C-alpha atoms as a PDB file:
ATOM      1  CA  UNK A   1      40.170 115.180 119.863  1.00  0.00           C
ATOM      2  CA  UNK A   2      39.772 115.780 116.134  1.00  0.00           C
ATOM      3  CA  UNK A   3      41.273 118.450 113.919  1.00  0.00           C
ATOM      4  CA  UNK A   4      39.457 119.200 110.647  1.00  0.00           C
ATOM      5  CA  UNK A   5      41.300 121.317 108.068  1.00  0.00           C
ATOM      6  CA  UNK A   6      39.558 122.609 104.952  1.00  0.00           C
ATOM      7  CA  UNK A   7      41.989 122.291 102.042  1.00  0.00           C
ATOM      8  CA  UNK A   8      39.745 123.070  99.059  1.00  0.00           C
ATOM      9  CA  UNK A   9      36.186 124.254  98.465  1.00  0.00           C
ATOM     10  CA  UNK A  10      33.858 124.946 101.372  1.00  0.00           C
ATOM     11  CA  UNK A  11      31.761 122.929 103.801  1.00  0.00           C
ATOM     12  CA  UNK A  12      29.382 123.658 106.665  1.00  0.00           C
ATOM     13  CA  UNK A  13      30.314 122.200 110.040  1.00  0.00           C
ATOM     14  CA  UNK A  14      26.997 121.419 111.722  1.00  0.00           C
ATOM     15  CA  UNK A  15      27.395 121.450 115.517  1.00  0.00           C
ATOM     16  CA  UNK A  16      25.089 121.359 118.536  1.00  0.00           C
ATOM     17  CA  UNK A  17      25.317 125.133 118.948  1.00  0.00           C
ATOM     18  CA  UNK A  18      24.957 126.102 115.290  1.00  0.00           C
ATOM     19  CA  UNK A  19      26.661 125.937 111.911  1.00  0.00           C
ATOM     20  CA  UNK A  20      29.987 127.326 110.702  1.00  0.00           C
ATOM     21  CA  UNK A  21      31.093 127.745 107.098  1.00  0.00           C
ATOM     22  CA  UNK A  22      34.638 126.485 106.584  1.00  0.00           C
ATOM     23  CA  UNK A  23      36.810 127.666 103.705  1.00  0.00           C
ATOM     24  CA  UNK A  24      40.379 126.739 102.658  1.00  0.00           C
ATOM     25  CA  UNK A  25      42.794 127.258 105.547  1.00  0.00           C
ATOM     26  CA  UNK A  26      40.101 127.077 108.249  1.00  0.00           C
ATOM     27  CA  UNK A  27      40.674 124.614 111.103  1.00  0.00           C
ATOM     28  CA  UNK A  28      38.001 123.232 113.408  1.00  0.00           C
ATOM     29  CA  UNK A  29      38.920 121.495 116.669  1.00  0.00           C
ATOM     30  CA  UNK A  30      36.212 119.008 117.588  1.00  0.00           C
ATOM     31  CA  UNK A  31      36.295 117.636 121.123  1.00  0.00           C
ATOM     32  CA  UNK A  32      34.024 114.607 121.126  1.00  0.00           C
ATOM     33  CA  UNK A  33      30.693 116.322 120.468  1.00  0.00           C
ATOM     34  CA  UNK A  34      28.014 115.383 117.955  1.00  0.00           C
ATOM     35  CA  UNK A  35      28.646 116.959 114.564  1.00  0.00           C
ATOM     36  CA  UNK A  36      28.000 116.590 110.835  1.00  0.00           C
ATOM     37  CA  UNK A  37      29.327 117.989 107.564  1.00  0.00           C
ATOM     38  CA  UNK A  38      27.259 119.532 104.765  1.00  0.00           C
ATOM     39  CA  UNK A  39      28.661 120.477 101.352  1.00  0.00           C
ATOM     40  CA  UNK A  40      26.003 122.846 100.024  1.00  0.00           C
ATOM     41  CA  UNK A  41      27.852 123.806  96.867  1.00  0.00           C
ATOM     42  CA  UNK A  42      28.400 122.091  93.528  1.00  0.00           C
ATOM     43  CA  UNK A  43      32.192 122.067  94.071  1.00  0.00           C
ATOM     44  CA  UNK A  44      34.423 119.425  95.588  1.00  0.00           C
ATOM     45  CA  UNK A  45      35.437 119.995  99.187  1.00  0.00           C
ATOM     46  CA  UNK A  46      38.714 118.415 100.244  1.00  0.00           C
ATOM     47  CA  UNK A  47      39.341 118.022 103.976  1.00  0.00           C
ATOM     48  CA  UNK A  48      42.190 116.767 106.135  1.00  0.00           C
ATOM     49  CA  UNK A  49      41.222 115.096 109.415  1.00  0.00           C
ATOM     50  CA  UNK A  50      43.583 114.318 112.277  1.00  0.00           C
ATOM     51  CA  UNK A  51      42.005 112.070 114.926  1.00  0.00           C
ATOM     52  CA  UNK A  52      43.740 111.782 118.293  1.00  0.00           C
ATOM     53  CA  UNK A  53      42.609 109.327 120.942  1.00  0.00           C
ATOM     54  CA  UNK A  54      42.032 111.007 124.295  1.00  0.00           C
ATOM     55  CA  UNK A  55      40.836 109.926 127.711  1.00  0.00           C
ATOM     56  CA  UNK A  56      37.974 111.930 129.226  1.00  0.00           C
ATOM     57  CA  UNK A  57      38.859 114.160 132.163  1.00  0.00           C
ATOM     58  CA  UNK A  58      37.821 112.713 135.521  1.00  0.00           C
ATOM     59  CA  UNK A  59      34.913 114.443 137.245  1.00  0.00           C
ATOM     60  CA  UNK A  60      36.052 116.798 139.971  1.00  0.00           C
END
């Protein structure tokens, strides 16, 4: 499980189901899916990432 916090500037979170613009104070919780980041501005974007190891849930 990953937490991504936008501290400064803005960045696009590119996910399987679309894109989301993140601005300062926005938090994205990413749960092991494919993703990418795209800074489409001419400003610095500063992010804080918290990565937590997690075991997958067993299939029921």
